[in-house]
N, C-alpha and C. Protein backbone atom coordinates (compact mmCIF):
# COMPACT_ATOMS: atom_id res chain seq x y z
N MET A 1 -4.00 -1.85 105.34
CA MET A 1 -4.26 -0.96 104.22
C MET A 1 -4.19 0.51 104.66
N THR A 2 -4.80 0.82 105.81
CA THR A 2 -4.79 2.19 106.30
C THR A 2 -3.38 2.66 106.60
N SER A 3 -2.55 1.80 107.16
CA SER A 3 -1.18 2.20 107.46
C SER A 3 -0.40 2.51 106.18
N LYS A 4 -0.67 1.79 105.09
CA LYS A 4 -0.02 2.09 103.81
C LYS A 4 -0.43 3.47 103.31
N ILE A 5 -1.71 3.78 103.44
CA ILE A 5 -2.21 5.08 103.01
C ILE A 5 -1.54 6.18 103.81
N LEU A 6 -1.46 5.98 105.14
CA LEU A 6 -0.83 6.99 105.98
C LEU A 6 0.64 7.16 105.65
N LEU A 7 1.34 6.07 105.32
CA LEU A 7 2.74 6.18 104.93
C LEU A 7 2.90 6.96 103.63
N ILE A 8 2.02 6.72 102.70
CA ILE A 8 2.06 7.46 101.43
C ILE A 8 1.81 8.94 101.69
N ILE A 9 0.81 9.23 102.51
CA ILE A 9 0.49 10.62 102.82
C ILE A 9 1.66 11.27 103.52
N LEU A 10 2.25 10.57 104.49
CA LEU A 10 3.40 11.12 105.21
C LEU A 10 4.57 11.40 104.27
N SER A 11 4.85 10.47 103.36
CA SER A 11 5.97 10.69 102.45
C SER A 11 5.69 11.84 101.49
N LEU A 12 4.43 11.98 101.04
CA LEU A 12 4.09 13.11 100.18
C LEU A 12 4.20 14.42 100.96
N PHE A 13 3.77 14.39 102.21
CA PHE A 13 3.86 15.59 103.04
C PHE A 13 5.32 15.99 103.24
N LEU A 14 6.15 15.02 103.58
CA LEU A 14 7.56 15.31 103.83
C LEU A 14 8.28 15.77 102.56
N SER A 15 7.82 15.30 101.41
CA SER A 15 8.46 15.72 100.17
C SER A 15 7.93 17.07 99.69
N GLY A 16 6.94 17.60 100.39
CA GLY A 16 6.41 18.91 100.04
C GLY A 16 5.30 18.86 99.00
N ASN A 17 4.82 17.67 98.63
CA ASN A 17 3.79 17.55 97.60
C ASN A 17 2.37 17.56 98.19
N ILE A 18 2.26 17.60 99.50
CA ILE A 18 0.94 17.62 100.11
C ILE A 18 1.00 18.54 101.33
N SER A 19 -0.03 19.32 101.53
CA SER A 19 -0.04 20.28 102.64
C SER A 19 -0.50 19.61 103.93
N GLU A 20 -0.24 20.28 105.04
CA GLU A 20 -0.70 19.78 106.34
C GLU A 20 -2.22 19.69 106.37
N GLU A 21 -2.90 20.66 105.76
CA GLU A 21 -4.36 20.67 105.71
C GLU A 21 -4.88 19.45 104.94
N GLU A 22 -4.24 19.12 103.82
CA GLU A 22 -4.66 17.93 103.05
C GLU A 22 -4.41 16.65 103.85
N THR A 23 -3.33 16.61 104.62
CA THR A 23 -3.03 15.45 105.45
C THR A 23 -4.11 15.27 106.50
N LYS A 24 -4.51 16.36 107.15
CA LYS A 24 -5.56 16.29 108.17
C LYS A 24 -6.87 15.84 107.55
N LYS A 25 -7.21 16.37 106.40
CA LYS A 25 -8.44 15.99 105.71
C LYS A 25 -8.43 14.50 105.38
N GLN A 26 -7.31 13.98 104.89
CA GLN A 26 -7.21 12.56 104.56
C GLN A 26 -7.36 11.70 105.82
N SER A 27 -6.77 12.13 106.94
CA SER A 27 -6.89 11.39 108.19
C SER A 27 -8.34 11.35 108.66
N GLU A 28 -9.05 12.47 108.56
CA GLU A 28 -10.45 12.51 108.93
C GLU A 28 -11.27 11.58 108.05
N GLU A 29 -10.97 11.52 106.76
CA GLU A 29 -11.69 10.61 105.86
C GLU A 29 -11.41 9.16 106.22
N ASP A 30 -10.18 8.82 106.62
CA ASP A 30 -9.87 7.46 107.05
C ASP A 30 -10.69 7.08 108.27
N VAL A 31 -10.82 8.00 109.24
CA VAL A 31 -11.61 7.73 110.44
C VAL A 31 -13.07 7.50 110.06
N GLN A 32 -13.60 8.33 109.15
CA GLN A 32 -14.99 8.19 108.77
C GLN A 32 -15.26 6.87 108.06
N GLU A 33 -14.26 6.27 107.42
CA GLU A 33 -14.45 4.97 106.80
C GLU A 33 -14.56 3.87 107.86
N GLN A 34 -13.94 4.07 109.02
CA GLN A 34 -13.93 3.06 110.07
C GLN A 34 -15.08 3.20 111.05
N TYR A 35 -15.56 4.40 111.30
CA TYR A 35 -16.59 4.67 112.29
C TYR A 35 -17.61 5.64 111.73
N LEU A 36 -18.82 5.58 112.28
CA LEU A 36 -19.75 6.67 112.02
C LEU A 36 -19.23 7.87 112.79
N LEU A 37 -19.41 9.04 112.23
CA LEU A 37 -18.92 10.26 112.86
C LEU A 37 -19.88 11.39 112.58
N GLY A 38 -20.34 12.05 113.63
CA GLY A 38 -21.29 13.15 113.50
C GLY A 38 -22.73 12.63 113.52
N GLU A 39 -23.65 13.45 113.06
CA GLU A 39 -25.06 13.04 113.06
C GLU A 39 -25.27 11.89 112.09
N PHE A 40 -26.13 10.97 112.49
CA PHE A 40 -26.42 9.81 111.66
C PHE A 40 -27.86 9.37 111.89
N GLN A 41 -28.32 8.44 111.05
CA GLN A 41 -29.66 7.88 111.15
C GLN A 41 -29.59 6.41 111.57
N ARG A 42 -30.62 5.94 112.18
CA ARG A 42 -30.70 4.55 112.63
C ARG A 42 -30.38 3.55 111.52
N GLN A 43 -30.85 3.82 110.32
CA GLN A 43 -30.65 2.91 109.20
C GLN A 43 -29.18 2.59 108.97
N GLU A 44 -28.32 3.53 109.31
CA GLU A 44 -26.88 3.29 109.14
C GLU A 44 -26.39 2.20 110.10
N LEU A 45 -27.00 2.10 111.28
CA LEU A 45 -26.62 1.05 112.23
C LEU A 45 -27.14 -0.31 111.79
N GLU A 46 -28.20 -0.31 111.01
CA GLU A 46 -28.82 -1.56 110.57
C GLU A 46 -28.10 -2.17 109.36
N GLN A 47 -27.08 -1.48 108.86
CA GLN A 47 -26.33 -1.94 107.69
C GLN A 47 -24.89 -2.27 108.10
N ASN A 48 -24.21 -3.04 107.24
CA ASN A 48 -22.80 -3.36 107.49
C ASN A 48 -21.99 -2.07 107.54
N PRO A 49 -21.00 -2.00 108.36
CA PRO A 49 -20.42 -3.06 109.20
C PRO A 49 -20.99 -3.12 110.61
N TYR A 50 -22.05 -2.37 110.90
CA TYR A 50 -22.58 -2.27 112.26
C TYR A 50 -23.74 -3.23 112.52
N SER A 51 -24.33 -3.76 111.46
CA SER A 51 -25.53 -4.57 111.61
C SER A 51 -25.32 -5.81 112.46
N TYR A 52 -24.12 -6.39 112.46
CA TYR A 52 -23.92 -7.63 113.21
C TYR A 52 -24.18 -7.42 114.71
N TRP A 53 -23.78 -6.29 115.27
CA TRP A 53 -24.05 -6.07 116.69
C TRP A 53 -25.37 -5.35 116.92
N PHE A 54 -25.76 -4.45 116.01
CA PHE A 54 -27.00 -3.70 116.22
C PHE A 54 -28.22 -4.61 116.10
N ASN A 55 -28.32 -5.34 114.99
CA ASN A 55 -29.51 -6.15 114.76
C ASN A 55 -29.64 -7.29 115.76
N SER A 56 -28.55 -7.94 116.12
CA SER A 56 -28.64 -9.03 117.10
C SER A 56 -28.93 -8.48 118.49
N GLY A 57 -28.32 -7.36 118.85
CA GLY A 57 -28.61 -6.74 120.14
C GLY A 57 -30.06 -6.31 120.26
N TYR A 58 -30.60 -5.80 119.16
CA TYR A 58 -32.00 -5.37 119.13
C TYR A 58 -32.93 -6.58 119.27
N SER A 59 -32.73 -7.60 118.46
CA SER A 59 -33.66 -8.74 118.47
C SER A 59 -33.54 -9.59 119.74
N ASN A 60 -32.39 -9.60 120.38
CA ASN A 60 -32.20 -10.43 121.58
C ASN A 60 -32.59 -9.72 122.88
N TYR A 61 -32.96 -8.46 122.79
CA TYR A 61 -33.30 -7.70 124.00
C TYR A 61 -34.80 -7.70 124.22
N HIS A 62 -35.20 -8.00 125.45
CA HIS A 62 -36.62 -8.04 125.81
C HIS A 62 -36.81 -7.27 127.13
N PRO A 63 -37.15 -5.99 127.02
CA PRO A 63 -37.27 -5.16 128.22
C PRO A 63 -38.42 -5.64 129.12
N GLU A 64 -38.22 -5.47 130.42
CA GLU A 64 -39.24 -5.84 131.40
C GLU A 64 -40.46 -4.93 131.24
N GLN A 65 -41.62 -5.54 131.17
CA GLN A 65 -42.85 -4.79 130.88
C GLN A 65 -43.24 -3.83 131.99
N GLU A 66 -42.88 -4.14 133.22
CA GLU A 66 -43.16 -3.25 134.35
C GLU A 66 -42.52 -1.87 134.10
N HIS A 67 -41.28 -1.88 133.65
CA HIS A 67 -40.58 -0.62 133.39
C HIS A 67 -41.01 0.00 132.07
N MET A 68 -41.37 -0.84 131.10
CA MET A 68 -41.85 -0.32 129.82
C MET A 68 -43.14 0.47 130.00
N LYS A 69 -43.97 0.06 130.92
CA LYS A 69 -45.22 0.79 131.17
C LYS A 69 -44.91 2.23 131.60
N VAL A 70 -43.96 2.38 132.51
CA VAL A 70 -43.55 3.72 132.98
C VAL A 70 -42.94 4.52 131.83
N ILE A 71 -42.11 3.87 131.03
CA ILE A 71 -41.47 4.56 129.90
C ILE A 71 -42.52 5.01 128.90
N LYS A 72 -43.44 4.14 128.54
CA LYS A 72 -44.50 4.49 127.58
C LYS A 72 -45.31 5.69 128.04
N GLU A 73 -45.57 5.77 129.34
CA GLU A 73 -46.37 6.86 129.89
C GLU A 73 -45.64 8.21 129.88
N ASN A 74 -44.31 8.18 129.85
CA ASN A 74 -43.56 9.42 130.05
C ASN A 74 -42.60 9.83 128.94
N ILE A 75 -42.19 8.91 128.10
CA ILE A 75 -41.10 9.17 127.14
C ILE A 75 -41.43 10.27 126.13
N SER A 76 -42.69 10.41 125.80
CA SER A 76 -43.06 11.41 124.77
C SER A 76 -42.81 12.84 125.23
N ASP A 77 -42.60 13.03 126.53
CA ASP A 77 -42.33 14.37 127.06
C ASP A 77 -40.91 14.85 126.77
N TYR A 78 -40.07 13.97 126.24
CA TYR A 78 -38.64 14.25 126.14
C TYR A 78 -38.11 14.30 124.72
N GLU A 79 -37.16 15.22 124.50
CA GLU A 79 -36.29 15.16 123.34
C GLU A 79 -35.06 14.39 123.84
N ILE A 80 -34.47 13.59 122.96
CA ILE A 80 -33.33 12.77 123.37
C ILE A 80 -32.17 13.05 122.43
N VAL A 81 -30.98 13.20 123.03
CA VAL A 81 -29.75 13.35 122.27
C VAL A 81 -28.86 12.16 122.66
N LEU A 82 -28.56 11.34 121.67
CA LEU A 82 -27.74 10.15 121.87
C LEU A 82 -26.34 10.41 121.34
N PHE A 83 -25.35 10.24 122.20
CA PHE A 83 -23.95 10.24 121.79
C PHE A 83 -23.45 8.81 121.93
N MET A 84 -22.83 8.30 120.88
CA MET A 84 -22.33 6.93 120.91
C MET A 84 -21.11 6.79 120.02
N GLY A 85 -20.44 5.68 120.17
CA GLY A 85 -19.33 5.35 119.27
C GLY A 85 -19.58 3.97 118.69
N THR A 86 -19.53 3.86 117.38
CA THR A 86 -19.75 2.54 116.77
C THR A 86 -18.61 1.59 117.09
N TRP A 87 -17.50 2.09 117.56
CA TRP A 87 -16.33 1.32 117.95
C TRP A 87 -16.39 0.89 119.42
N CYS A 88 -17.35 1.41 120.18
CA CYS A 88 -17.42 1.28 121.64
C CYS A 88 -18.30 0.10 122.06
N ALA A 89 -17.75 -0.80 122.87
CA ALA A 89 -18.49 -1.99 123.33
C ALA A 89 -19.73 -1.61 124.13
N ASP A 90 -19.65 -0.58 124.98
CA ASP A 90 -20.82 -0.17 125.76
C ASP A 90 -21.92 0.39 124.85
N SER A 91 -21.54 1.14 123.83
CA SER A 91 -22.53 1.64 122.86
C SER A 91 -23.15 0.48 122.11
N GLN A 92 -22.35 -0.48 121.71
CA GLN A 92 -22.86 -1.64 120.99
C GLN A 92 -23.84 -2.44 121.84
N LEU A 93 -23.66 -2.43 123.14
CA LEU A 93 -24.56 -3.14 124.05
C LEU A 93 -25.84 -2.35 124.30
N GLU A 94 -25.73 -1.06 124.57
CA GLU A 94 -26.87 -0.27 125.04
C GLU A 94 -27.71 0.38 123.93
N VAL A 95 -27.11 0.77 122.83
CA VAL A 95 -27.86 1.50 121.80
C VAL A 95 -28.96 0.65 121.16
N PRO A 96 -28.71 -0.63 120.83
CA PRO A 96 -29.83 -1.45 120.32
C PRO A 96 -30.99 -1.53 121.32
N LYS A 97 -30.67 -1.57 122.61
CA LYS A 97 -31.71 -1.59 123.65
C LYS A 97 -32.53 -0.30 123.62
N LEU A 98 -31.84 0.83 123.45
CA LEU A 98 -32.54 2.11 123.39
C LEU A 98 -33.56 2.10 122.25
N TYR A 99 -33.13 1.66 121.08
CA TYR A 99 -34.05 1.63 119.94
C TYR A 99 -35.21 0.67 120.15
N LYS A 100 -34.97 -0.46 120.78
CA LYS A 100 -36.05 -1.41 121.07
C LYS A 100 -37.07 -0.76 122.00
N ILE A 101 -36.59 -0.10 123.04
CA ILE A 101 -37.48 0.58 123.98
C ILE A 101 -38.26 1.69 123.28
N LEU A 102 -37.58 2.52 122.48
CA LEU A 102 -38.26 3.60 121.79
C LEU A 102 -39.30 3.07 120.82
N ASP A 103 -38.98 1.97 120.12
CA ASP A 103 -39.96 1.36 119.22
C ASP A 103 -41.19 0.88 119.99
N GLN A 104 -40.96 0.15 121.07
CA GLN A 104 -42.08 -0.39 121.86
C GLN A 104 -42.90 0.72 122.52
N ALA A 105 -42.26 1.84 122.79
CA ALA A 105 -42.96 2.96 123.43
C ALA A 105 -43.67 3.86 122.41
N GLY A 106 -43.46 3.62 121.12
CA GLY A 106 -44.07 4.46 120.09
C GLY A 106 -43.50 5.86 120.08
N TYR A 107 -42.21 5.98 120.34
CA TYR A 107 -41.55 7.28 120.44
C TYR A 107 -41.52 7.99 119.09
N ASP A 108 -41.66 9.30 119.13
CA ASP A 108 -41.59 10.15 117.94
C ASP A 108 -40.12 10.41 117.61
N TYR A 109 -39.59 9.70 116.61
CA TYR A 109 -38.17 9.77 116.29
C TYR A 109 -37.71 11.13 115.78
N SER A 110 -38.63 12.02 115.46
CA SER A 110 -38.19 13.37 115.07
C SER A 110 -37.63 14.12 116.28
N LYS A 111 -37.85 13.59 117.49
CA LYS A 111 -37.33 14.21 118.71
C LYS A 111 -36.03 13.56 119.19
N LEU A 112 -35.45 12.69 118.35
CA LEU A 112 -34.20 12.01 118.68
C LEU A 112 -33.08 12.50 117.77
N THR A 113 -31.96 12.87 118.37
CA THR A 113 -30.77 13.24 117.61
C THR A 113 -29.67 12.23 117.92
N ASN A 114 -29.12 11.60 116.88
CA ASN A 114 -28.05 10.62 117.01
C ASN A 114 -26.73 11.26 116.61
N ILE A 115 -25.74 11.15 117.48
CA ILE A 115 -24.42 11.71 117.19
C ILE A 115 -23.36 10.67 117.50
N ALA A 116 -22.54 10.36 116.51
CA ALA A 116 -21.45 9.40 116.68
C ALA A 116 -20.15 10.15 116.90
N VAL A 117 -19.37 9.66 117.85
CA VAL A 117 -18.08 10.26 118.17
C VAL A 117 -16.96 9.32 117.75
N ASP A 118 -15.77 9.88 117.62
CA ASP A 118 -14.59 9.06 117.31
C ASP A 118 -14.03 8.48 118.62
N PRO A 119 -12.98 7.69 118.56
CA PRO A 119 -12.44 7.10 119.80
C PRO A 119 -11.94 8.12 120.83
N TYR A 120 -11.76 9.36 120.42
CA TYR A 120 -11.38 10.42 121.36
C TYR A 120 -12.61 11.13 121.92
N LYS A 121 -13.79 10.60 121.57
CA LYS A 121 -15.10 11.16 121.98
C LYS A 121 -15.30 12.56 121.42
N GLU A 122 -14.87 12.75 120.17
CA GLU A 122 -14.99 14.04 119.51
C GLU A 122 -15.80 13.91 118.23
N THR A 123 -16.38 15.02 117.80
CA THR A 123 -17.10 15.11 116.54
C THR A 123 -16.46 16.21 115.70
N PRO A 124 -16.70 16.20 114.39
CA PRO A 124 -16.11 17.24 113.54
C PRO A 124 -16.49 18.67 113.95
N ASN A 125 -17.70 18.86 114.46
CA ASN A 125 -18.12 20.21 114.84
C ASN A 125 -18.06 20.45 116.35
N ASN A 126 -17.46 19.51 117.11
CA ASN A 126 -17.26 19.63 118.57
C ASN A 126 -18.55 19.82 119.37
N ILE A 127 -19.65 19.27 118.88
CA ILE A 127 -20.93 19.39 119.61
C ILE A 127 -20.88 18.69 120.96
N GLU A 128 -20.00 17.69 121.09
CA GLU A 128 -19.86 16.98 122.37
C GLU A 128 -19.45 17.94 123.49
N GLU A 129 -18.75 19.00 123.15
CA GLU A 129 -18.34 19.99 124.16
C GLU A 129 -19.55 20.72 124.72
N ASP A 130 -20.52 21.06 123.87
CA ASP A 130 -21.73 21.76 124.31
C ASP A 130 -22.50 20.93 125.33
N TYR A 131 -22.45 19.61 125.18
CA TYR A 131 -23.18 18.70 126.06
C TYR A 131 -22.30 18.07 127.15
N GLU A 132 -21.04 18.46 127.20
CA GLU A 132 -20.08 17.94 128.18
C GLU A 132 -20.06 16.41 128.19
N VAL A 133 -19.91 15.84 127.01
CA VAL A 133 -19.85 14.38 126.86
C VAL A 133 -18.40 13.94 126.92
N THR A 134 -18.12 13.02 127.83
CA THR A 134 -16.78 12.47 127.96
C THR A 134 -16.76 10.95 127.87
N LEU A 135 -17.93 10.32 127.99
CA LEU A 135 -18.06 8.86 127.92
C LEU A 135 -19.24 8.51 127.02
N VAL A 136 -19.17 7.34 126.40
CA VAL A 136 -20.28 6.90 125.56
C VAL A 136 -20.64 5.46 125.91
N PRO A 137 -21.92 5.13 125.74
CA PRO A 137 -22.97 6.03 125.28
C PRO A 137 -23.40 7.01 126.37
N THR A 138 -23.79 8.18 125.93
CA THR A 138 -24.44 9.17 126.78
C THR A 138 -25.77 9.49 126.12
N ILE A 139 -26.84 9.30 126.88
CA ILE A 139 -28.20 9.54 126.38
C ILE A 139 -28.77 10.67 127.22
N ILE A 140 -29.00 11.81 126.59
CA ILE A 140 -29.43 13.01 127.29
C ILE A 140 -30.92 13.22 127.07
N PHE A 141 -31.65 13.39 128.16
CA PHE A 141 -33.09 13.60 128.12
C PHE A 141 -33.36 15.06 128.42
N CYS A 142 -34.05 15.73 127.47
CA CYS A 142 -34.32 17.17 127.57
C CYS A 142 -35.82 17.44 127.49
N LYS A 143 -36.22 18.50 128.16
CA LYS A 143 -37.58 19.04 128.04
C LYS A 143 -37.42 20.50 127.65
N ASP A 144 -38.08 20.89 126.57
CA ASP A 144 -38.01 22.27 126.08
C ASP A 144 -36.57 22.74 125.93
N GLY A 145 -35.71 21.84 125.44
CA GLY A 145 -34.33 22.18 125.17
C GLY A 145 -33.41 22.22 126.38
N VAL A 146 -33.92 21.87 127.54
CA VAL A 146 -33.13 21.90 128.77
C VAL A 146 -32.93 20.47 129.26
N GLU A 147 -31.68 20.15 129.56
CA GLU A 147 -31.38 18.80 130.05
C GLU A 147 -32.04 18.55 131.39
N VAL A 148 -32.70 17.37 131.48
CA VAL A 148 -33.34 16.95 132.72
C VAL A 148 -32.47 15.91 133.43
N ASN A 149 -31.92 14.98 132.64
CA ASN A 149 -31.07 13.94 133.20
C ASN A 149 -30.35 13.24 132.06
N ARG A 150 -29.44 12.32 132.41
CA ARG A 150 -28.71 11.59 131.39
C ARG A 150 -28.33 10.20 131.88
N PHE A 151 -28.28 9.28 130.93
CA PHE A 151 -27.75 7.93 131.13
C PHE A 151 -26.33 7.96 130.58
N VAL A 152 -25.36 7.44 131.37
CA VAL A 152 -23.97 7.47 130.92
C VAL A 152 -23.35 6.08 131.05
N GLU A 153 -22.96 5.55 129.94
CA GLU A 153 -22.13 4.36 129.76
C GLU A 153 -22.77 3.03 130.14
N PHE A 154 -23.25 2.86 131.37
CA PHE A 154 -23.82 1.57 131.76
C PHE A 154 -24.94 1.76 132.77
N ALA A 155 -25.79 0.74 132.87
CA ALA A 155 -26.95 0.81 133.75
C ALA A 155 -26.57 0.56 135.21
N LEU A 156 -27.25 1.26 136.10
CA LEU A 156 -27.08 1.00 137.53
C LEU A 156 -27.89 -0.23 137.94
N GLU A 157 -29.07 -0.37 137.39
CA GLU A 157 -29.94 -1.52 137.64
C GLU A 157 -30.03 -2.32 136.34
N THR A 158 -31.11 -2.12 135.59
CA THR A 158 -31.20 -2.61 134.21
C THR A 158 -31.38 -1.40 133.33
N PHE A 159 -31.11 -1.55 132.04
CA PHE A 159 -31.22 -0.41 131.13
C PHE A 159 -32.62 0.19 131.20
N GLU A 160 -33.65 -0.66 131.10
CA GLU A 160 -35.02 -0.13 131.08
C GLU A 160 -35.43 0.44 132.44
N GLU A 161 -34.91 -0.10 133.54
CA GLU A 161 -35.23 0.47 134.85
C GLU A 161 -34.59 1.85 135.01
N ASP A 162 -33.35 1.98 134.58
CA ASP A 162 -32.70 3.29 134.62
C ASP A 162 -33.46 4.31 133.79
N LEU A 163 -33.86 3.94 132.57
CA LEU A 163 -34.60 4.87 131.72
C LEU A 163 -35.97 5.20 132.31
N ALA A 164 -36.64 4.21 132.90
CA ALA A 164 -37.93 4.47 133.55
C ALA A 164 -37.76 5.46 134.70
N ASP A 165 -36.69 5.31 135.47
CA ASP A 165 -36.43 6.26 136.56
C ASP A 165 -36.18 7.67 136.02
N ILE A 166 -35.43 7.76 134.94
CA ILE A 166 -35.13 9.08 134.36
C ILE A 166 -36.40 9.75 133.86
N VAL A 167 -37.18 9.05 133.04
CA VAL A 167 -38.35 9.71 132.42
C VAL A 167 -39.49 9.94 133.39
N SER A 168 -39.52 9.22 134.52
CA SER A 168 -40.54 9.47 135.54
C SER A 168 -40.02 10.44 136.60
N GLN A 169 -38.82 10.97 136.37
CA GLN A 169 -38.16 11.97 137.22
C GLN A 169 -37.97 11.48 138.66
N LYS A 170 -37.69 10.18 138.78
CA LYS A 170 -37.29 9.66 140.09
C LYS A 170 -35.88 10.14 140.36
N ASP A 171 -35.44 9.93 141.58
CA ASP A 171 -34.09 10.35 141.96
C ASP A 171 -33.08 9.39 141.32
N TYR A 172 -32.58 9.76 140.14
CA TYR A 172 -31.62 8.95 139.40
C TYR A 172 -30.35 9.76 139.14
N GLN A 173 -29.22 9.15 139.43
CA GLN A 173 -27.94 9.77 139.07
C GLN A 173 -27.12 8.73 138.34
N ASN A 174 -26.56 9.10 137.21
CA ASN A 174 -25.71 8.18 136.47
C ASN A 174 -24.46 7.89 137.29
N PRO A 175 -23.72 6.82 136.93
CA PRO A 175 -22.57 6.42 137.75
C PRO A 175 -21.47 7.47 137.90
N TYR A 176 -21.48 8.49 137.05
CA TYR A 176 -20.42 9.49 137.07
C TYR A 176 -20.90 10.86 137.55
N ALA A 177 -22.11 10.94 138.04
CA ALA A 177 -22.72 12.23 138.39
C ALA A 177 -21.95 12.98 139.47
N ASP A 178 -21.26 12.28 140.34
CA ASP A 178 -20.54 12.94 141.43
C ASP A 178 -19.13 13.35 141.06
N PHE A 179 -18.69 13.03 139.86
CA PHE A 179 -17.30 13.36 139.47
C PHE A 179 -17.19 14.71 138.85
């Protein structure tokens, strides 16, 4: 269906009946129909077409209580900025875990910002550039607006152990920190 729309747009553009700006706008709207893009709320992940991976990932995840204790003691000190892609397998695996941990820790969700990127890891307002995000998921932990550390793409140990190390300010480096 999308390819038919693009062919129609292309033919209208070539015939002079549609401007380049209108073509770009239509392409952006097509992407937004397929993926979340820009800031979003958790409730959007709990609904179709994302609910099949979000809800099952959330309900099937059981974080180790040893690490949850450390997270509960420290997580409230942080503002969190989550960059993810609803199209991304790593985001589909890790983001439900993040929400389960935040729920169990009693996290104040007003301190969480969710940002969805397209397959090029871009957003309409290019906020990913400000945070130097090149892979997703990227979970950035900040204190007083300053980045303290980040989780990038996959866990080094377990998801909850990595987060416990970050929020307790242990010596943690994401897998890409040296690049």
